[in-house]
Protein backbone atom coordinates (compact mmCIF):
# COMPACT_ATOMS: atom_id res chain seq x y z
CA UNK A 1 20.34 -5.83 -70.66
CA UNK A 2 17.67 -8.42 -70.99
CA UNK A 3 14.61 -8.49 -68.75
CA UNK A 4 15.93 -11.57 -66.98
CA UNK A 5 19.26 -9.87 -66.29
CA UNK A 6 17.42 -6.79 -64.97
CA UNK A 7 15.51 -8.95 -62.50
CA UNK A 8 18.74 -10.62 -61.36
CA UNK A 9 20.42 -7.25 -60.94
CA UNK A 10 17.46 -5.87 -58.94
CA UNK A 11 17.44 -8.91 -56.66
CA UNK A 12 21.19 -8.59 -56.13
CA UNK A 13 20.83 -4.93 -55.14
CA UNK A 14 17.97 -5.78 -52.79
CA UNK A 15 20.01 -8.60 -51.26
CA UNK A 16 23.00 -6.28 -50.77
CA UNK A 17 20.82 -3.62 -49.09
CA UNK A 18 19.20 -6.20 -46.83
CA UNK A 19 22.62 -7.52 -45.89
CA UNK A 20 23.84 -4.03 -44.98
CA UNK A 21 20.70 -3.31 -42.94
CA UNK A 22 21.07 -6.66 -41.17
CA UNK A 23 24.66 -5.90 -40.23
CA UNK A 24 23.69 -2.45 -38.94
CA UNK A 25 20.83 -3.84 -36.87
CA UNK A 26 23.02 -6.62 -35.50
CA UNK A 27 25.69 -4.09 -34.57
CA UNK A 28 23.14 -1.84 -32.90
CA UNK A 29 21.68 -4.83 -31.02
CA UNK A 30 25.11 -5.87 -29.76
CA UNK A 31 25.87 -2.31 -28.65
CA UNK A 32 22.56 -2.10 -26.78
CA UNK A 33 23.12 -5.49 -25.14
CA UNK A 34 26.63 -4.51 -24.11
CA UNK A 35 25.31 -1.26 -22.65
CA UNK A 36 22.62 -3.16 -20.74
CA UNK A 37 25.19 -5.60 -19.35
CA UNK A 38 27.40 -2.71 -18.23
CA UNK A 39 24.44 -0.88 -16.67
CA UNK A 40 23.24 -4.05 -14.93
CA UNK A 41 26.72 -4.67 -13.56
CA UNK A 42 27.04 -1.09 -12.37
CA UNK A 43 23.60 -1.20 -10.77
CA UNK A 44 24.39 -4.52 -9.08
CA UNK A 45 27.60 -3.06 -7.68
CA UNK A 46 25.70 0.01 -6.48
CA UNK A 47 23.05 -2.14 -4.79
CA UNK A 48 25.66 -4.29 -3.05
CA UNK A 49 27.85 -1.42 -1.89
CA UNK A 50 25.30 1.35 -1.22
CA UNK A 51 21.82 -0.11 -0.72
CA UNK A 52 22.28 -3.52 0.92
CA UNK A 53 24.03 -2.04 3.99
CA UNK A 54 20.92 0.13 4.51
CA UNK A 55 18.37 -2.60 3.79
CA UNK A 56 18.03 -3.65 7.43
CA UNK A 57 15.11 -2.10 9.31
CA UNK A 58 15.34 -2.37 13.10
CA UNK A 59 11.64 -2.71 13.89
CA UNK A 60 12.41 -3.14 17.58
CA UNK A 61 14.02 0.27 17.82
CA UNK A 62 11.27 2.38 16.25
CA UNK A 63 9.67 5.15 18.29
CA UNK A 64 5.93 4.49 17.96
CA UNK A 65 4.98 7.73 19.74
CA UNK A 66 2.23 5.92 21.64
CA UNK A 67 -0.61 7.68 23.42
CA UNK A 68 -0.68 7.59 27.23
CA UNK A 69 -4.00 7.10 29.01
CA UNK A 70 -4.69 8.42 32.51
CA UNK A 71 -7.26 6.56 34.65
CA UNK A 72 -8.92 7.19 37.98
CA UNK A 73 -10.88 4.88 40.28
CA UNK A 74 -14.60 5.61 40.57
CA UNK A 75 -15.42 5.82 44.29
CA UNK A 76 -18.93 4.47 43.76
CA UNK A 77 -18.20 1.49 41.49
CA UNK A 78 -14.53 0.88 42.24
CA UNK A 79 -13.85 0.60 38.51
CA UNK A 80 -10.96 2.22 36.64
CA UNK A 81 -12.29 4.97 34.38
CA UNK A 82 -10.33 6.76 31.65
CA UNK A 83 -9.84 10.40 32.56
CA UNK A 84 -7.89 11.68 29.56
CA UNK A 85 -5.34 10.79 26.90
CA UNK A 86 -1.93 12.39 26.50
CA UNK A 87 -0.14 12.27 23.18
CA UNK A 88 2.51 14.29 21.42
CA UNK A 89 2.49 14.75 17.67
CA UNK A 90 0.65 11.47 17.02
CA UNK A 91 -2.49 9.90 18.49
CA UNK A 92 -1.68 6.17 18.54
CA UNK A 93 -2.72 3.28 20.80
CA UNK A 94 -1.33 -0.18 20.00
CA UNK A 95 -3.73 -3.06 19.32
CA UNK A 96 -2.62 -6.71 19.16
CA UNK A 97 -3.27 -8.80 16.06
CA UNK A 98 -5.77 -11.11 17.78
CA UNK A 99 -7.88 -8.07 18.72
CA UNK A 100 -8.21 -6.89 15.11
CA UNK A 101 -11.46 -7.90 13.33
CA UNK A 102 -10.91 -10.18 10.35
CA UNK A 103 -13.18 -7.93 8.29
CA UNK A 104 -10.82 -5.00 8.91
CA UNK A 105 -7.78 -7.02 7.87
CA UNK A 106 -9.59 -8.28 4.75
CA UNK A 107 -10.74 -4.74 3.88
CA UNK A 108 -7.19 -3.35 3.92
CA UNK A 109 -5.85 -6.30 1.94
CA UNK A 110 -8.65 -6.03 -0.63
CA UNK A 111 -8.09 -2.37 -1.45
CA UNK A 112 -4.36 -1.94 -0.80
CA UNK A 113 -2.67 -5.25 -1.61
CA UNK A 114 -4.91 -8.13 -2.73
CA UNK A 115 -1.95 -10.52 -3.23
CA UNK A 116 -0.45 -9.73 0.19
CA UNK A 117 -0.75 -13.28 1.48
CA UNK A 118 1.03 -14.79 -1.54
CA UNK A 119 3.88 -12.37 -2.39
CA UNK A 120 7.22 -12.10 -0.58
CA UNK A 121 7.10 -8.38 0.15
CA UNK A 122 6.95 -7.05 -3.40
CA UNK A 123 4.15 -7.54 -5.92
CA UNK A 124 6.21 -7.59 -9.10
CA UNK A 125 3.11 -7.46 -11.31
CA UNK A 126 1.96 -4.20 -9.71
CA UNK A 127 5.52 -2.86 -9.68
CA UNK A 128 5.86 -3.47 -13.41
CA UNK A 129 2.44 -1.87 -13.95
CA UNK A 130 3.51 1.20 -11.97
CA UNK A 131 6.72 1.48 -14.03
CA UNK A 132 4.77 1.16 -17.29
CA UNK A 133 2.34 3.79 -16.05
CA UNK A 134 5.22 6.23 -15.62
CA UNK A 135 6.42 5.56 -19.17
CA UNK A 136 2.95 5.41 -20.75
CA UNK A 137 0.40 6.95 -18.36
CA UNK A 138 -2.96 5.21 -18.47
CA UNK A 139 -4.15 5.70 -14.92
CA UNK A 140 -3.45 8.46 -12.43
CA UNK A 141 -4.25 6.17 -9.51
CA UNK A 142 -1.93 3.21 -10.14
CA UNK A 143 0.41 2.34 -7.27
CA UNK A 144 2.89 -0.48 -6.92
CA UNK A 145 3.54 -0.48 -3.17
CA UNK A 146 2.51 -3.51 -1.14
CA UNK A 147 1.40 -3.33 2.50
CA UNK A 148 4.94 -4.36 3.46
CA UNK A 149 6.42 -1.51 1.43
CA UNK A 150 3.91 0.91 2.93
CA UNK A 151 4.95 -0.28 6.39
CA UNK A 152 8.57 0.47 5.50
CA UNK A 153 7.58 4.04 4.59
CA UNK A 154 5.58 4.39 7.81
CA UNK A 155 8.53 3.22 9.92
CA UNK A 156 11.29 5.17 8.17
CA UNK A 157 9.23 8.22 7.14
CA UNK A 158 11.20 8.24 3.88
CA UNK A 159 8.76 9.37 1.19
CA UNK A 160 10.95 11.18 -1.37
CA UNK A 161 10.24 10.04 -4.92
CA UNK A 162 13.57 8.76 -6.23
CA UNK A 163 14.77 5.56 -7.87
CA UNK A 164 17.26 5.07 -5.05
CA UNK A 165 14.59 5.24 -2.33
CA UNK A 166 12.26 2.92 -4.25
CA UNK A 167 15.01 0.35 -4.78
CA UNK A 168 15.94 0.56 -1.09
CA UNK A 169 12.27 0.19 -0.14
CA UNK A 170 12.02 -2.98 -2.23
CA UNK A 171 15.13 -4.48 -0.62
CA UNK A 172 13.86 -3.61 2.85
CA UNK A 173 10.45 -5.13 2.12
CA UNK A 174 12.00 -8.39 0.89
CA UNK A 175 14.24 -8.47 3.95
CA UNK A 176 11.38 -7.73 6.35
CA UNK A 177 9.24 -10.54 4.92
CA UNK A 178 12.07 -13.00 5.58
CA UNK A 179 12.18 -11.97 9.25
CA UNK A 180 8.53 -11.43 10.16
CA UNK A 181 5.33 -13.39 9.62
CA UNK A 182 2.41 -11.98 7.62
CA UNK A 183 0.50 -11.54 10.90
CA UNK A 184 3.35 -9.51 12.45
CA UNK A 185 3.59 -7.30 9.37
CA UNK A 186 -0.17 -6.70 9.34
CA UNK A 187 -0.16 -5.87 13.05
CA UNK A 188 2.64 -3.33 12.61
CA UNK A 189 1.09 -1.84 9.48
CA UNK A 190 -2.38 -1.43 11.00
CA UNK A 191 -0.85 0.23 14.07
CA UNK A 192 1.24 2.71 12.07
CA UNK A 193 -0.98 3.66 9.11
CA UNK A 194 -2.22 7.25 9.14
CA UNK A 195 -6.01 7.55 8.93
CA UNK A 196 -6.61 11.29 9.18
CA UNK A 197 -7.72 13.49 12.10
CA UNK A 198 -4.28 12.89 13.72
CA UNK A 199 -5.22 9.22 14.18
CA UNK A 200 -2.31 6.86 13.66
CA UNK A 201 -3.34 3.22 13.62
CA UNK A 202 -6.73 1.54 13.56
CA UNK A 203 -7.43 1.72 17.29
CA UNK A 204 -7.11 5.49 17.42
CA UNK A 205 -9.15 5.77 14.20
CA UNK A 206 -11.95 3.55 15.54
CA UNK A 207 -12.25 5.80 18.58
CA UNK A 208 -12.03 9.04 16.58
CA UNK A 209 -14.58 8.17 13.89
CA UNK A 210 -16.92 5.70 15.60
CA UNK A 211 -16.27 6.17 19.33
CA UNK A 212 -15.81 2.45 19.95
CA UNK A 213 -13.05 -0.18 20.41
CA UNK A 214 -11.62 -1.54 17.19
CA UNK A 215 -12.82 -5.05 18.12
CA UNK A 216 -16.44 -3.86 17.92
CA UNK A 217 -16.27 -2.43 14.39
CA UNK A 218 -18.84 -3.76 11.93
CA UNK A 219 -18.04 -4.83 8.37
CA UNK A 220 -19.40 -1.53 7.03
CA UNK A 221 -17.27 0.47 9.48
CA UNK A 222 -14.17 -1.60 8.66
CA UNK A 223 -14.55 -0.80 4.95
CA UNK A 224 -15.04 2.88 5.77
CA UNK A 225 -11.81 3.03 7.80
CA UNK A 226 -9.81 1.09 5.20
CA UNK A 227 -10.89 3.59 2.56
CA UNK A 228 -9.30 6.53 4.34
CA UNK A 229 -5.64 5.55 3.96
CA UNK A 230 -5.40 6.15 0.19
CA UNK A 231 -5.95 9.89 0.73
CA UNK A 232 -6.69 10.78 4.38
CA UNK A 233 -8.11 14.22 3.62
CA UNK A 234 -10.08 13.35 0.48
CA UNK A 235 -11.66 10.28 2.13
CA UNK A 236 -12.03 11.78 5.61
CA UNK A 237 -15.58 10.83 6.78
CA UNK A 238 -15.93 14.08 8.73
CA UNK A 239 -14.88 16.39 5.89
CA UNK A 240 -15.78 14.41 2.76
CA UNK A 241 -18.44 11.89 3.68
CA UNK A 242 -19.59 11.29 0.10
CA UNK A 243 -16.06 10.41 -1.00
CA UNK A 244 -15.63 8.04 1.93
CA UNK A 245 -18.95 6.33 1.18
CA UNK A 246 -17.99 5.83 -2.46
CA UNK A 247 -14.66 4.34 -1.38
CA UNK A 248 -16.39 2.10 1.15
CA UNK A 249 -18.66 0.66 -1.57
CA UNK A 250 -15.62 0.00 -3.76
CA UNK A 251 -13.90 -1.88 -0.94
CA UNK A 252 -16.97 -3.96 -0.13
CA UNK A 253 -17.30 -4.91 -3.81
CA UNK A 254 -13.62 -5.91 -3.92
CA UNK A 255 -14.02 -8.01 -0.75
CA UNK A 256 -16.95 -9.78 -2.37
CA UNK A 257 -14.93 -10.36 -5.55
CA UNK A 258 -12.06 -11.89 -3.55
CA UNK A 259 -14.40 -14.11 -1.56
CA UNK A 260 -13.71 -12.40 1.77
CA UNK A 261 -17.42 -11.84 2.38
CA UNK A 262 -20.66 -13.39 1.16
CA UNK A 263 -23.30 -11.78 -1.03
CA UNK A 264 -25.61 -11.41 1.98
CA UNK A 265 -22.87 -9.76 4.06
CA UNK A 266 -22.09 -7.42 1.16
CA UNK A 267 -25.71 -6.30 0.78
CA UNK A 268 -26.20 -5.88 4.53
CA UNK A 269 -23.07 -3.75 4.82
CA UNK A 270 -24.19 -1.51 1.96
CA UNK A 271 -27.51 -0.87 3.73
CA UNK A 272 -26.00 -0.28 7.17
CA UNK A 273 -25.97 3.44 8.15
CA UNK A 274 -22.61 4.67 9.44
CA UNK A 275 -22.85 6.45 12.79
CA UNK A 276 -19.87 8.76 12.98
CA UNK A 277 -18.73 9.97 16.39
CA UNK A 278 -17.82 13.68 16.53
CA UNK A 279 -15.35 15.14 19.00
CA UNK A 280 -18.11 16.63 21.17
CA UNK A 281 -19.64 13.22 21.79
CA UNK A 282 -22.47 13.58 19.27
CA UNK A 283 -23.18 11.04 16.57
CA UNK A 284 -24.05 11.77 12.95
CA UNK A 285 -25.35 9.32 10.36
CA UNK A 286 -24.37 9.13 6.73
CA UNK A 287 -27.00 9.72 4.11
C-alpha cells in the first residue's frame, strides 16, 4: 500500500469513527430530550393537580396572635396609661404601613430582597443561584427566598425543606403578588417576621430592644432591627451585640450602595451609639 493510500485509509477510518460517535451522541441527546419532555409533562401535571389547588393563601383568615394591652385612667392627669400587656405564645402588636419608617422598610429590602420592588413575587436570579449553590456549593449563606416568599412561610408556618414545599411556596408568592400591593405585602411581612426575644413584628421588636414606638426609630436602630431576622439568636443585640453591630454595618453599606441613604446619613448612622432597652427598664449602649 502506497503512502497516499495509507493516508486515505486512515482518513476513512477516522471518518467512520466520527460518524459512529456522532450517531451515538445524537441518540443520547434525543433520549435525554425525550426524558426531559416526559419529566416536564409529569411535573406540569403534578403542579396542576396537586399544587395549584393549594396555592391560594387566605390572608384574611390568619390568626395573628396579637398582643392585648390593658389601660387605666390616671386620676391626676385623666390620661389613659398602659398597665400591662397580655399575649399568648407570641408578642405581636400590629402597625400600619404609614406608621413604619421608610428607613426601616429600606433596611429590610436592602438586606433581604433588594429587587423586591421590581419582581413579581419570585426573584428568579436568586432562585437559580440558590439551586446552583446546592449543586455546587460556593456560599453557605446564599438564600433564594424573597420577602413575599418569607411572608408565605410566616403565614403558613411551613418550613420543611422539600422540593414540593418550595414549588408550592413559589406558586403562592406569585399568586399573592397578583392580589396584594407591594405596600400590603411589606406591612404583613413586617408585622409577622420573628425578631428574637419572643418579638413578632417590628412594633414589638422596637419596644423590646429600644423601648420606643417603631415610628421613632433612627436609621441606625432600623438597620440593627433588620439585621436580626437572618438568624434571631446569632444577631440578637442582647445576647450577641458584636454580631448585631457587624450586621448593622453591612446593612447600612448595602443601603448606601442601593441609593436608599446618602453618604452623610451612612456615616452618621455608623457613629450613632445604640441604646438598648433591657427588660428591667435600664438602657445599655453598644461599644
